[in-house]
């Protein structure tokens, strides 16, 4: 059985959803970032970067979300969440990597600025600029979705799942993010999937982004 170290509603929830999609049993191990659980010597042994998620597979730790998702689907597929080869796989990977390496860090920058910058005026200016950048990313996704219901085409892929998880972080920002109608439709469809709803219930998260 897999073990997943997670923080409720964090990017780790995408791994939780994918495990549910693949009908894989998992032992959930909650970690409180706010309480410093990710900085303990015990946790740093399995992830020296002190982040979630961490997935233990046969006792071996993996610490990058996109790698976990790819590994799980390749191991327990086939799954339409990540096609096996060709252009379809490349498109699905493109949007998974976008969510993991572009959208997620854009939010992380805001959270870091809020902690690290002490001058209130400077902080407000920097955070507003960072939020505007995040808004621009969502505007780009809205354009992508004008001709297709999901980011990689006609069906939900892993990138849609991680993007839908990240979309729910808007309540943590001092200025709201606006989603276009096509984006809201995608978020509603993905968050309504039974595997997603099971993860939401299991982590005690209220999903608001699709409202």
N, C-alpha and C. Protein backbone atom coordinates (compact mmCIF):
# COMPACT_ATOMS: atom_id res chain seq x y z
N UNK A 1 0.84 -1.20 0.00
CA UNK A 1 0.00 0.00 0.00
C UNK A 1 0.87 1.25 0.00
N UNK A 2 0.44 2.24 -0.77
CA UNK A 2 1.15 3.51 -0.79
C UNK A 2 0.88 4.28 0.50
N UNK A 3 1.85 5.13 0.86
CA UNK A 3 1.67 6.09 1.94
C UNK A 3 1.85 7.48 1.34
N UNK A 4 0.90 8.37 1.62
CA UNK A 4 0.96 9.73 1.08
C UNK A 4 0.99 10.73 2.23
N UNK A 5 2.08 11.47 2.31
CA UNK A 5 2.19 12.58 3.25
C UNK A 5 1.58 13.80 2.56
N UNK A 6 0.58 14.39 3.20
CA UNK A 6 -0.19 15.43 2.53
C UNK A 6 -0.57 16.52 3.53
N UNK A 7 -0.88 17.69 3.00
CA UNK A 7 -1.51 18.76 3.77
C UNK A 7 -2.86 19.03 3.11
N UNK A 8 -3.94 19.11 3.86
CA UNK A 8 -5.27 19.23 3.25
C UNK A 8 -5.37 20.37 2.25
N UNK A 9 -5.81 20.03 1.04
CA UNK A 9 -6.02 21.02 0.00
C UNK A 9 -4.79 21.50 -0.72
N UNK A 10 -3.60 21.08 -0.27
CA UNK A 10 -2.36 21.47 -0.93
C UNK A 10 -2.21 20.69 -2.24
N UNK A 11 -1.10 20.91 -2.94
CA UNK A 11 -0.88 20.22 -4.21
C UNK A 11 -0.90 18.70 -4.04
N UNK A 12 -0.63 18.24 -2.83
CA UNK A 12 -0.68 16.80 -2.54
C UNK A 12 -2.05 16.21 -2.82
N UNK A 13 -3.10 17.03 -2.81
CA UNK A 13 -4.43 16.50 -3.07
C UNK A 13 -4.56 15.94 -4.48
N UNK A 14 -3.77 16.47 -5.41
CA UNK A 14 -3.81 15.93 -6.77
C UNK A 14 -3.32 14.48 -6.79
N UNK A 15 -2.32 14.17 -5.97
CA UNK A 15 -1.84 12.79 -5.88
C UNK A 15 -2.93 11.91 -5.28
N UNK A 16 -3.58 12.42 -4.27
CA UNK A 16 -4.70 11.72 -3.62
C UNK A 16 -5.79 11.41 -4.65
N UNK A 17 -6.14 12.40 -5.46
CA UNK A 17 -7.17 12.19 -6.49
C UNK A 17 -6.74 11.12 -7.48
N UNK A 18 -5.50 11.19 -7.95
CA UNK A 18 -5.02 10.22 -8.94
C UNK A 18 -5.02 8.81 -8.35
N UNK A 19 -4.60 8.66 -7.10
CA UNK A 19 -4.68 7.35 -6.45
C UNK A 19 -6.11 6.84 -6.43
N UNK A 20 -7.06 7.73 -6.15
CA UNK A 20 -8.47 7.33 -6.18
C UNK A 20 -8.92 6.96 -7.59
N UNK A 21 -8.49 7.73 -8.58
CA UNK A 21 -8.84 7.44 -9.97
C UNK A 21 -8.35 6.04 -10.38
N UNK A 22 -7.21 5.65 -9.86
CA UNK A 22 -6.60 4.37 -10.22
C UNK A 22 -7.01 3.25 -9.28
N UNK A 23 -7.91 3.58 -8.33
CA UNK A 23 -8.40 2.58 -7.36
C UNK A 23 -7.26 1.94 -6.57
N UNK A 24 -6.29 2.77 -6.18
CA UNK A 24 -5.16 2.28 -5.40
C UNK A 24 -5.34 2.63 -3.93
N UNK A 25 -5.25 1.64 -3.06
CA UNK A 25 -5.36 1.95 -1.63
C UNK A 25 -4.17 2.79 -1.17
N UNK A 26 -4.42 3.67 -0.22
CA UNK A 26 -3.37 4.55 0.26
C UNK A 26 -3.57 4.81 1.75
N UNK A 27 -2.47 4.85 2.46
CA UNK A 27 -2.49 5.27 3.86
C UNK A 27 -2.15 6.76 3.89
N UNK A 28 -3.10 7.57 4.32
CA UNK A 28 -2.92 9.01 4.34
C UNK A 28 -2.23 9.44 5.62
N UNK A 29 -1.19 10.26 5.47
CA UNK A 29 -0.43 10.75 6.61
C UNK A 29 -0.47 12.28 6.60
N UNK A 30 -1.37 12.88 7.38
CA UNK A 30 -1.49 14.34 7.38
C UNK A 30 -0.26 15.01 7.97
N UNK A 31 0.13 16.11 7.35
CA UNK A 31 1.28 16.90 7.78
C UNK A 31 0.83 18.35 7.87
N UNK A 32 1.05 18.99 9.01
CA UNK A 32 0.69 20.39 9.18
C UNK A 32 1.89 21.27 8.83
N UNK A 33 1.78 22.00 7.72
CA UNK A 33 2.84 22.93 7.34
C UNK A 33 2.90 24.07 8.36
N UNK A 34 1.73 24.55 8.79
CA UNK A 34 1.67 25.67 9.72
C UNK A 34 2.33 25.33 11.05
N UNK A 35 2.20 24.09 11.49
CA UNK A 35 2.78 23.68 12.77
C UNK A 35 4.23 23.23 12.67
N UNK A 36 4.79 23.31 11.47
CA UNK A 36 6.20 22.97 11.31
C UNK A 36 6.49 21.49 11.14
N UNK A 37 5.46 20.69 10.84
CA UNK A 37 5.69 19.25 10.71
C UNK A 37 6.66 18.90 9.60
N UNK A 38 6.72 19.75 8.55
CA UNK A 38 7.61 19.44 7.42
C UNK A 38 9.06 19.81 7.70
N UNK A 39 9.33 20.43 8.86
CA UNK A 39 10.70 20.83 9.19
C UNK A 39 11.31 19.96 10.28
N UNK A 40 10.60 18.94 10.70
CA UNK A 40 11.14 18.06 11.74
C UNK A 40 12.25 17.18 11.16
N UNK A 41 13.21 16.75 11.99
CA UNK A 41 14.27 15.86 11.49
C UNK A 41 13.73 14.59 10.83
N UNK A 42 12.63 14.07 11.38
CA UNK A 42 12.06 12.84 10.82
C UNK A 42 11.53 13.08 9.41
N UNK A 43 10.84 14.20 9.23
CA UNK A 43 10.28 14.47 7.90
C UNK A 43 11.37 14.81 6.90
N UNK A 44 12.37 15.57 7.35
CA UNK A 44 13.45 15.96 6.44
C UNK A 44 14.27 14.77 5.97
N UNK A 45 14.18 13.67 6.67
CA UNK A 45 14.86 12.45 6.21
C UNK A 45 14.21 11.91 4.94
N UNK A 46 12.89 12.08 4.82
CA UNK A 46 12.23 11.55 3.64
C UNK A 46 12.09 12.61 2.55
N UNK A 47 12.12 13.90 2.93
CA UNK A 47 12.14 14.98 1.94
C UNK A 47 12.97 16.14 2.50
N UNK A 48 14.24 16.22 2.14
CA UNK A 48 15.11 17.27 2.66
C UNK A 48 14.64 18.68 2.32
N UNK A 49 13.75 18.82 1.32
CA UNK A 49 13.23 20.14 0.97
C UNK A 49 12.08 20.58 1.89
N UNK A 50 11.61 19.66 2.72
CA UNK A 50 10.58 20.01 3.69
C UNK A 50 9.27 20.41 3.06
N UNK A 51 8.84 19.68 2.04
CA UNK A 51 7.61 20.01 1.33
C UNK A 51 6.68 18.80 1.28
N UNK A 52 5.42 19.06 0.99
CA UNK A 52 4.48 18.00 0.60
C UNK A 52 4.21 18.18 -0.89
N UNK A 53 3.86 17.08 -1.54
CA UNK A 53 3.65 15.73 -1.02
C UNK A 53 4.94 14.91 -0.99
N UNK A 54 4.87 13.84 -0.22
CA UNK A 54 5.83 12.74 -0.32
C UNK A 54 5.02 11.46 -0.48
N UNK A 55 5.40 10.66 -1.44
CA UNK A 55 4.75 9.37 -1.67
C UNK A 55 5.75 8.27 -1.36
N UNK A 56 5.38 7.36 -0.48
CA UNK A 56 6.20 6.19 -0.22
C UNK A 56 5.66 5.02 -1.03
N UNK A 57 6.50 4.48 -1.90
CA UNK A 57 6.16 3.31 -2.71
C UNK A 57 7.12 2.20 -2.31
N UNK A 58 6.58 1.17 -1.67
CA UNK A 58 7.43 0.09 -1.14
C UNK A 58 8.51 0.66 -0.23
N UNK A 59 8.14 1.67 0.55
CA UNK A 59 9.05 2.26 1.51
C UNK A 59 10.03 3.26 0.92
N UNK A 60 9.99 3.46 -0.39
CA UNK A 60 10.93 4.38 -1.04
C UNK A 60 10.21 5.71 -1.30
N UNK A 61 10.82 6.85 -0.88
CA UNK A 61 10.15 8.13 -1.02
C UNK A 61 10.32 8.77 -2.39
N UNK A 62 9.28 9.43 -2.82
CA UNK A 62 9.29 10.25 -4.03
C UNK A 62 8.71 11.60 -3.64
N UNK A 63 9.35 12.70 -4.12
CA UNK A 63 9.01 14.01 -3.56
C UNK A 63 8.64 15.07 -4.59
N UNK A 64 8.34 14.72 -5.81
CA UNK A 64 7.87 15.69 -6.80
C UNK A 64 6.53 15.24 -7.35
N UNK A 65 5.52 16.12 -7.24
CA UNK A 65 4.16 15.73 -7.57
C UNK A 65 3.98 15.22 -8.98
N UNK A 66 4.56 15.91 -9.97
CA UNK A 66 4.39 15.48 -11.36
C UNK A 66 5.02 14.11 -11.59
N UNK A 67 6.15 13.86 -10.93
CA UNK A 67 6.78 12.54 -11.05
C UNK A 67 5.91 11.46 -10.42
N UNK A 68 5.31 11.77 -9.28
CA UNK A 68 4.42 10.80 -8.63
C UNK A 68 3.25 10.45 -9.53
N UNK A 69 2.62 11.47 -10.10
CA UNK A 69 1.47 11.24 -10.96
C UNK A 69 1.85 10.40 -12.16
N UNK A 70 2.96 10.73 -12.80
CA UNK A 70 3.42 9.96 -13.96
C UNK A 70 3.72 8.53 -13.58
N UNK A 71 4.41 8.34 -12.46
CA UNK A 71 4.74 6.99 -11.99
C UNK A 71 3.48 6.18 -11.71
N UNK A 72 2.54 6.77 -11.01
CA UNK A 72 1.33 6.03 -10.64
C UNK A 72 0.54 5.60 -11.86
N UNK A 73 0.39 6.51 -12.82
CA UNK A 73 -0.40 6.17 -14.01
C UNK A 73 0.34 5.16 -14.88
N UNK A 74 1.65 5.32 -15.03
CA UNK A 74 2.42 4.36 -15.81
C UNK A 74 2.41 2.98 -15.16
N UNK A 75 2.36 2.95 -13.83
CA UNK A 75 2.40 1.68 -13.11
C UNK A 75 1.04 0.99 -13.08
N UNK A 76 -0.02 1.77 -12.93
CA UNK A 76 -1.35 1.19 -12.71
C UNK A 76 -2.32 1.47 -13.86
N UNK A 77 -1.82 2.05 -14.94
CA UNK A 77 -2.65 2.30 -16.10
C UNK A 77 -2.90 1.03 -16.90
N UNK A 78 -3.40 1.15 -18.12
CA UNK A 78 -3.56 2.42 -18.84
C UNK A 78 -4.68 3.29 -18.28
N UNK A 79 -4.49 4.60 -18.45
CA UNK A 79 -5.50 5.57 -18.00
C UNK A 79 -5.50 6.74 -18.95
N UNK A 80 -6.69 7.23 -19.23
CA UNK A 80 -6.81 8.41 -20.08
C UNK A 80 -6.24 9.66 -19.42
N UNK A 81 -5.96 9.58 -18.13
CA UNK A 81 -5.35 10.72 -17.44
C UNK A 81 -3.96 11.02 -17.97
N UNK A 82 -3.30 10.03 -18.55
CA UNK A 82 -1.99 10.22 -19.16
C UNK A 82 -1.82 9.17 -20.25
N UNK A 83 -2.12 9.52 -21.49
CA UNK A 83 -2.00 8.54 -22.58
C UNK A 83 -0.61 7.91 -22.64
N UNK A 84 -0.53 6.75 -23.23
CA UNK A 84 0.70 5.96 -23.19
C UNK A 84 1.81 6.50 -24.09
N UNK A 85 1.45 7.16 -25.19
CA UNK A 85 2.51 7.57 -26.11
C UNK A 85 2.00 8.65 -27.06
N UNK A 86 2.93 9.15 -27.85
CA UNK A 86 2.59 10.02 -28.96
C UNK A 86 2.21 11.44 -28.56
N UNK A 87 1.58 12.13 -29.50
CA UNK A 87 1.19 13.51 -29.32
C UNK A 87 0.23 13.70 -28.16
N UNK A 88 -0.69 12.73 -27.98
CA UNK A 88 -1.65 12.83 -26.89
C UNK A 88 -0.94 12.82 -25.54
N UNK A 89 0.06 11.96 -25.39
CA UNK A 89 0.82 11.94 -24.14
C UNK A 89 1.59 13.25 -23.94
N UNK A 90 2.19 13.75 -25.02
CA UNK A 90 2.95 14.99 -24.93
C UNK A 90 2.06 16.15 -24.49
N UNK A 91 0.84 16.21 -25.04
CA UNK A 91 -0.08 17.28 -24.65
C UNK A 91 -0.49 17.15 -23.18
N UNK A 92 -0.78 15.94 -22.75
CA UNK A 92 -1.15 15.74 -21.35
C UNK A 92 0.01 16.10 -20.43
N UNK A 93 1.22 15.71 -20.80
CA UNK A 93 2.39 16.06 -19.99
C UNK A 93 2.65 17.56 -19.98
N UNK A 94 2.41 18.20 -21.13
CA UNK A 94 2.61 19.65 -21.19
C UNK A 94 1.78 20.36 -20.13
N UNK A 95 0.51 19.98 -20.01
CA UNK A 95 -0.37 20.67 -19.06
C UNK A 95 -0.13 20.23 -17.63
N UNK A 96 0.30 19.00 -17.43
CA UNK A 96 0.71 18.58 -16.08
C UNK A 96 1.92 19.39 -15.63
N UNK A 97 2.90 19.56 -16.53
CA UNK A 97 4.10 20.32 -16.19
C UNK A 97 3.78 21.81 -16.02
N UNK A 98 2.85 22.32 -16.81
CA UNK A 98 2.42 23.71 -16.63
C UNK A 98 1.88 23.91 -15.21
N UNK A 99 0.99 23.02 -14.79
CA UNK A 99 0.41 23.15 -13.45
C UNK A 99 1.48 23.02 -12.38
N UNK A 100 2.39 22.06 -12.56
CA UNK A 100 3.41 21.76 -11.56
C UNK A 100 4.52 22.81 -11.53
N UNK A 101 4.94 23.29 -12.70
CA UNK A 101 6.17 24.09 -12.78
C UNK A 101 5.94 25.56 -13.11
N UNK A 102 4.73 25.94 -13.50
CA UNK A 102 4.44 27.35 -13.80
C UNK A 102 3.37 27.90 -12.86
N UNK A 103 2.20 27.25 -12.84
CA UNK A 103 1.09 27.77 -12.04
C UNK A 103 1.37 27.64 -10.54
N UNK A 104 1.79 26.48 -10.10
CA UNK A 104 2.07 26.26 -8.68
C UNK A 104 3.14 27.23 -8.16
N UNK A 105 4.31 27.35 -8.81
CA UNK A 105 5.31 28.31 -8.31
C UNK A 105 4.83 29.75 -8.31
N UNK A 106 3.92 30.10 -9.23
CA UNK A 106 3.40 31.47 -9.24
C UNK A 106 2.62 31.77 -7.96
N UNK A 107 1.85 30.79 -7.48
CA UNK A 107 1.17 30.95 -6.20
C UNK A 107 2.17 30.93 -5.05
N UNK A 108 3.14 30.02 -5.12
CA UNK A 108 4.13 29.92 -4.05
C UNK A 108 4.89 31.22 -3.86
N UNK A 109 5.12 31.93 -4.96
CA UNK A 109 5.82 33.22 -4.87
C UNK A 109 5.02 34.20 -4.01
N UNK A 110 3.71 34.20 -4.17
CA UNK A 110 2.86 35.09 -3.38
C UNK A 110 2.95 34.73 -1.90
N UNK A 111 2.86 33.44 -1.60
CA UNK A 111 2.92 33.01 -0.21
C UNK A 111 4.27 33.36 0.42
N UNK A 112 5.34 33.21 -0.37
CA UNK A 112 6.68 33.53 0.13
C UNK A 112 6.81 35.03 0.39
N UNK A 113 6.33 35.84 -0.53
CA UNK A 113 6.40 37.29 -0.34
C UNK A 113 5.66 37.71 0.92
N UNK A 114 4.53 37.10 1.17
CA UNK A 114 3.74 37.45 2.35
C UNK A 114 4.50 37.16 3.64
N UNK A 115 5.32 36.10 3.63
CA UNK A 115 6.11 35.75 4.81
C UNK A 115 7.39 36.56 4.91
N UNK A 116 8.04 36.80 3.77
CA UNK A 116 9.42 37.28 3.81
C UNK A 116 9.55 38.80 3.80
N UNK A 117 8.63 39.50 3.18
CA UNK A 117 8.76 40.96 3.05
C UNK A 117 8.13 41.61 4.29
N UNK A 118 8.90 42.46 4.96
CA UNK A 118 8.44 43.06 6.21
C UNK A 118 7.79 44.42 6.01
N UNK A 119 8.25 45.17 5.04
CA UNK A 119 7.68 46.49 4.79
C UNK A 119 6.30 46.34 4.14
N UNK A 120 5.27 46.86 4.78
CA UNK A 120 3.89 46.63 4.32
C UNK A 120 3.62 47.23 2.94
N UNK A 121 4.16 48.40 2.68
CA UNK A 121 3.93 49.05 1.39
C UNK A 121 4.60 48.27 0.28
N UNK A 122 5.85 47.90 0.52
CA UNK A 122 6.57 47.10 -0.48
C UNK A 122 5.91 45.75 -0.68
N UNK A 123 5.47 45.14 0.42
CA UNK A 123 4.81 43.83 0.33
C UNK A 123 3.56 43.91 -0.53
N UNK A 124 2.74 44.92 -0.30
CA UNK A 124 1.49 45.06 -1.05
C UNK A 124 1.77 45.23 -2.54
N UNK A 125 2.79 46.02 -2.87
CA UNK A 125 3.12 46.25 -4.27
C UNK A 125 3.60 44.97 -4.94
N UNK A 126 4.49 44.25 -4.26
CA UNK A 126 5.04 43.02 -4.83
C UNK A 126 3.96 41.94 -4.96
N UNK A 127 3.12 41.82 -3.94
CA UNK A 127 2.08 40.79 -3.98
C UNK A 127 1.05 41.11 -5.06
N UNK A 128 0.69 42.37 -5.21
CA UNK A 128 -0.26 42.73 -6.26
C UNK A 128 0.29 42.39 -7.64
N UNK A 129 1.59 42.65 -7.84
CA UNK A 129 2.22 42.31 -9.12
C UNK A 129 2.20 40.80 -9.34
N UNK A 130 2.49 40.03 -8.27
CA UNK A 130 2.50 38.57 -8.38
C UNK A 130 1.10 38.02 -8.65
N UNK A 131 0.09 38.61 -8.03
CA UNK A 131 -1.28 38.17 -8.27
C UNK A 131 -1.70 38.49 -9.69
N UNK A 132 -1.29 39.64 -10.19
CA UNK A 132 -1.60 39.98 -11.59
C UNK A 132 -0.99 38.96 -12.55
N UNK A 133 0.20 38.47 -12.21
CA UNK A 133 0.84 37.44 -13.04
C UNK A 133 0.01 36.14 -13.01
N UNK A 134 -0.43 35.76 -11.81
CA UNK A 134 -1.26 34.56 -11.70
C UNK A 134 -2.55 34.73 -12.50
N UNK A 135 -3.16 35.91 -12.39
CA UNK A 135 -4.38 36.16 -13.17
C UNK A 135 -4.12 35.99 -14.66
N UNK A 136 -2.96 36.47 -15.12
CA UNK A 136 -2.60 36.31 -16.52
C UNK A 136 -2.51 34.85 -16.94
N UNK A 137 -2.02 34.00 -16.05
CA UNK A 137 -1.94 32.57 -16.36
C UNK A 137 -3.35 31.98 -16.51
N UNK A 138 -4.26 32.36 -15.62
CA UNK A 138 -5.63 31.87 -15.74
C UNK A 138 -6.31 32.41 -16.99
N UNK A 139 -5.98 33.63 -17.38
CA UNK A 139 -6.52 34.17 -18.62
C UNK A 139 -6.03 33.38 -19.83
N UNK A 140 -4.77 32.94 -19.78
CA UNK A 140 -4.24 32.10 -20.86
C UNK A 140 -4.98 30.77 -20.91
N UNK A 141 -5.26 30.19 -19.75
CA UNK A 141 -6.00 28.92 -19.73
C UNK A 141 -7.41 29.10 -20.29
N UNK A 142 -8.02 30.23 -19.99
CA UNK A 142 -9.36 30.49 -20.54
C UNK A 142 -9.32 30.49 -22.06
N UNK A 143 -8.29 31.06 -22.64
CA UNK A 143 -8.15 31.06 -24.09
C UNK A 143 -7.94 29.64 -24.63
N UNK A 144 -7.14 28.86 -23.93
CA UNK A 144 -6.91 27.47 -24.34
C UNK A 144 -8.21 26.68 -24.37
N UNK A 145 -9.10 26.99 -23.45
CA UNK A 145 -10.33 26.21 -23.30
C UNK A 145 -11.46 26.69 -24.21
N UNK A 146 -11.20 27.64 -25.07
CA UNK A 146 -12.25 28.13 -25.96
C UNK A 146 -12.70 27.07 -26.96
N UNK A 147 -11.82 26.16 -27.31
CA UNK A 147 -12.14 25.18 -28.35
C UNK A 147 -12.15 23.74 -27.86
N UNK A 148 -12.03 23.55 -26.54
CA UNK A 148 -11.99 22.20 -25.99
C UNK A 148 -12.40 22.26 -24.52
N UNK A 149 -12.98 21.18 -24.00
CA UNK A 149 -13.46 21.22 -22.62
C UNK A 149 -12.37 21.05 -21.57
N UNK A 150 -11.26 20.43 -21.97
CA UNK A 150 -10.16 20.19 -21.04
C UNK A 150 -8.86 20.68 -21.66
N UNK A 151 -7.83 20.84 -20.86
CA UNK A 151 -6.61 21.47 -21.34
C UNK A 151 -5.94 20.70 -22.46
N UNK A 152 -5.95 19.37 -22.39
CA UNK A 152 -5.29 18.57 -23.41
C UNK A 152 -6.23 18.09 -24.50
N UNK A 153 -7.51 18.48 -24.43
CA UNK A 153 -8.43 18.05 -25.48
C UNK A 153 -9.81 17.73 -24.96
N UNK A 154 -10.34 16.60 -25.37
CA UNK A 154 -11.73 16.26 -25.09
C UNK A 154 -11.93 15.53 -23.77
N UNK A 155 -10.86 15.03 -23.16
CA UNK A 155 -11.00 14.29 -21.92
C UNK A 155 -10.11 14.84 -20.81
N UNK A 156 -10.51 14.57 -19.58
CA UNK A 156 -9.74 15.01 -18.41
C UNK A 156 -8.41 14.29 -18.35
N UNK A 157 -7.34 15.04 -18.14
CA UNK A 157 -6.02 14.45 -17.93
C UNK A 157 -5.46 14.95 -16.60
N UNK A 158 -4.28 14.45 -16.26
CA UNK A 158 -3.69 14.74 -14.95
C UNK A 158 -3.47 16.23 -14.74
N UNK A 159 -3.14 16.97 -15.79
CA UNK A 159 -2.95 18.41 -15.67
C UNK A 159 -4.21 19.13 -15.24
N UNK A 160 -5.36 18.68 -15.72
CA UNK A 160 -6.63 19.27 -15.29
C UNK A 160 -6.84 19.06 -13.79
N UNK A 161 -6.46 17.90 -13.29
CA UNK A 161 -6.64 17.60 -11.87
C UNK A 161 -5.78 18.52 -11.02
N UNK A 162 -4.49 18.62 -11.33
CA UNK A 162 -3.62 19.48 -10.53
C UNK A 162 -4.04 20.95 -10.65
N UNK A 163 -4.41 21.38 -11.84
CA UNK A 163 -4.89 22.76 -12.03
C UNK A 163 -6.13 23.03 -11.20
N UNK A 164 -7.03 22.06 -11.14
CA UNK A 164 -8.27 22.22 -10.37
C UNK A 164 -7.98 22.29 -8.88
N UNK A 165 -7.02 21.54 -8.40
CA UNK A 165 -6.61 21.64 -6.99
C UNK A 165 -6.06 23.04 -6.70
N UNK A 166 -5.16 23.53 -7.55
CA UNK A 166 -4.54 24.83 -7.33
C UNK A 166 -5.57 25.96 -7.38
N UNK A 167 -6.58 25.81 -8.22
CA UNK A 167 -7.60 26.86 -8.35
C UNK A 167 -8.28 27.17 -7.02
N UNK A 168 -8.30 26.22 -6.12
CA UNK A 168 -9.00 26.42 -4.84
C UNK A 168 -8.18 27.22 -3.84
N UNK A 169 -6.98 27.65 -4.22
CA UNK A 169 -6.14 28.42 -3.31
C UNK A 169 -6.47 29.91 -3.31
N UNK A 170 -7.45 30.31 -4.09
CA UNK A 170 -7.77 31.73 -4.19
C UNK A 170 -8.13 32.36 -2.86
N UNK A 171 -8.72 31.58 -1.96
CA UNK A 171 -9.09 32.12 -0.66
C UNK A 171 -7.91 32.51 0.21
N UNK A 172 -6.71 32.07 -0.19
CA UNK A 172 -5.50 32.40 0.56
C UNK A 172 -4.86 33.70 0.09
N UNK A 173 -5.42 34.31 -0.95
CA UNK A 173 -4.83 35.50 -1.55
C UNK A 173 -5.57 36.76 -1.09
N UNK A 174 -4.86 37.88 -0.98
CA UNK A 174 -5.50 39.12 -0.55
C UNK A 174 -6.35 39.78 -1.63
N UNK A 175 -6.21 39.34 -2.87
CA UNK A 175 -6.99 39.88 -3.98
C UNK A 175 -7.56 38.72 -4.78
N UNK A 176 -8.84 38.76 -5.15
CA UNK A 176 -9.45 37.59 -5.81
C UNK A 176 -8.91 37.35 -7.21
N UNK A 177 -8.90 36.08 -7.59
CA UNK A 177 -8.61 35.65 -8.95
C UNK A 177 -9.94 35.43 -9.66
N UNK A 178 -10.03 35.85 -10.91
CA UNK A 178 -11.26 35.68 -11.69
C UNK A 178 -11.06 34.57 -12.71
N UNK A 179 -11.98 33.63 -12.73
CA UNK A 179 -11.96 32.55 -13.71
C UNK A 179 -13.00 32.84 -14.79
N UNK A 180 -12.61 32.62 -16.04
CA UNK A 180 -13.55 32.78 -17.13
C UNK A 180 -14.56 31.64 -17.17
N UNK A 181 -15.63 31.74 -17.95
CA UNK A 181 -16.69 30.72 -17.98
C UNK A 181 -16.21 29.35 -18.43
N UNK A 182 -15.30 29.29 -19.40
CA UNK A 182 -14.78 28.00 -19.84
C UNK A 182 -13.93 27.35 -18.75
N UNK A 183 -13.15 28.17 -18.06
CA UNK A 183 -12.34 27.65 -16.95
C UNK A 183 -13.23 27.14 -15.84
N UNK A 184 -14.27 27.90 -15.50
CA UNK A 184 -15.19 27.45 -14.45
C UNK A 184 -15.86 26.13 -14.83
N UNK A 185 -16.20 25.97 -16.08
CA UNK A 185 -16.83 24.72 -16.53
C UNK A 185 -15.86 23.56 -16.36
N UNK A 186 -14.59 23.78 -16.69
CA UNK A 186 -13.60 22.72 -16.52
C UNK A 186 -13.41 22.39 -15.04
N UNK A 187 -13.30 23.41 -14.20
CA UNK A 187 -13.12 23.19 -12.76
C UNK A 187 -14.33 22.44 -12.18
N UNK A 188 -15.52 22.79 -12.64
CA UNK A 188 -16.72 22.12 -12.15
C UNK A 188 -16.74 20.66 -12.55
N UNK A 189 -16.37 20.38 -13.81
CA UNK A 189 -16.38 19.01 -14.29
C UNK A 189 -15.34 18.15 -13.58
N UNK A 190 -14.15 18.69 -13.39
CA UNK A 190 -13.08 17.91 -12.74
C UNK A 190 -13.39 17.70 -11.26
N UNK A 191 -13.81 18.78 -10.59
CA UNK A 191 -14.05 18.66 -9.15
C UNK A 191 -15.27 17.79 -8.84
N UNK A 192 -16.14 17.56 -9.83
CA UNK A 192 -17.31 16.70 -9.63
C UNK A 192 -16.99 15.21 -9.81
N UNK A 193 -15.80 14.89 -10.31
CA UNK A 193 -15.46 13.48 -10.51
C UNK A 193 -15.46 12.75 -9.16
N UNK A 194 -15.95 11.52 -9.11
CA UNK A 194 -16.00 10.80 -7.83
C UNK A 194 -14.66 10.72 -7.12
N UNK A 195 -13.59 10.53 -7.87
CA UNK A 195 -12.26 10.44 -7.25
C UNK A 195 -11.87 11.75 -6.59
N UNK A 196 -12.25 12.87 -7.21
CA UNK A 196 -11.94 14.18 -6.64
C UNK A 196 -12.79 14.42 -5.39
N UNK A 197 -14.07 14.10 -5.49
CA UNK A 197 -14.96 14.28 -4.35
C UNK A 197 -14.53 13.42 -3.16
N UNK A 198 -14.04 12.22 -3.44
CA UNK A 198 -13.56 11.34 -2.37
C UNK A 198 -12.36 11.96 -1.67
N UNK A 199 -11.46 12.56 -2.43
CA UNK A 199 -10.29 13.22 -1.84
C UNK A 199 -10.70 14.44 -1.03
N UNK A 200 -11.63 15.23 -1.56
CA UNK A 200 -12.12 16.41 -0.84
C UNK A 200 -12.70 16.00 0.51
N UNK A 201 -13.52 14.95 0.50
CA UNK A 201 -14.13 14.48 1.74
C UNK A 201 -13.07 13.92 2.69
N UNK A 202 -12.13 13.15 2.14
CA UNK A 202 -11.10 12.54 2.97
C UNK A 202 -10.18 13.54 3.63
N UNK A 203 -9.97 14.68 2.98
CA UNK A 203 -9.07 15.69 3.53
C UNK A 203 -9.82 16.80 4.27
N UNK A 204 -11.15 16.75 4.25
CA UNK A 204 -11.92 17.76 4.94
C UNK A 204 -11.82 19.14 4.33
N UNK A 205 -11.76 19.18 2.99
CA UNK A 205 -11.58 20.43 2.26
C UNK A 205 -12.92 20.89 1.70
N UNK A 206 -13.16 22.19 1.71
CA UNK A 206 -14.32 22.77 1.05
C UNK A 206 -13.87 23.30 -0.30
N UNK A 207 -14.43 22.76 -1.39
CA UNK A 207 -14.01 23.19 -2.71
C UNK A 207 -14.93 24.30 -3.20
N UNK A 208 -14.35 25.50 -3.42
CA UNK A 208 -15.14 26.68 -3.77
C UNK A 208 -14.86 27.23 -5.15
N UNK A 209 -13.77 26.80 -5.78
CA UNK A 209 -13.32 27.46 -7.00
C UNK A 209 -14.30 27.33 -8.16
N UNK A 210 -15.11 26.28 -8.17
CA UNK A 210 -16.02 26.06 -9.29
C UNK A 210 -17.37 26.74 -9.10
N UNK A 211 -17.52 27.45 -8.00
CA UNK A 211 -18.82 28.07 -7.70
C UNK A 211 -19.14 29.18 -8.70
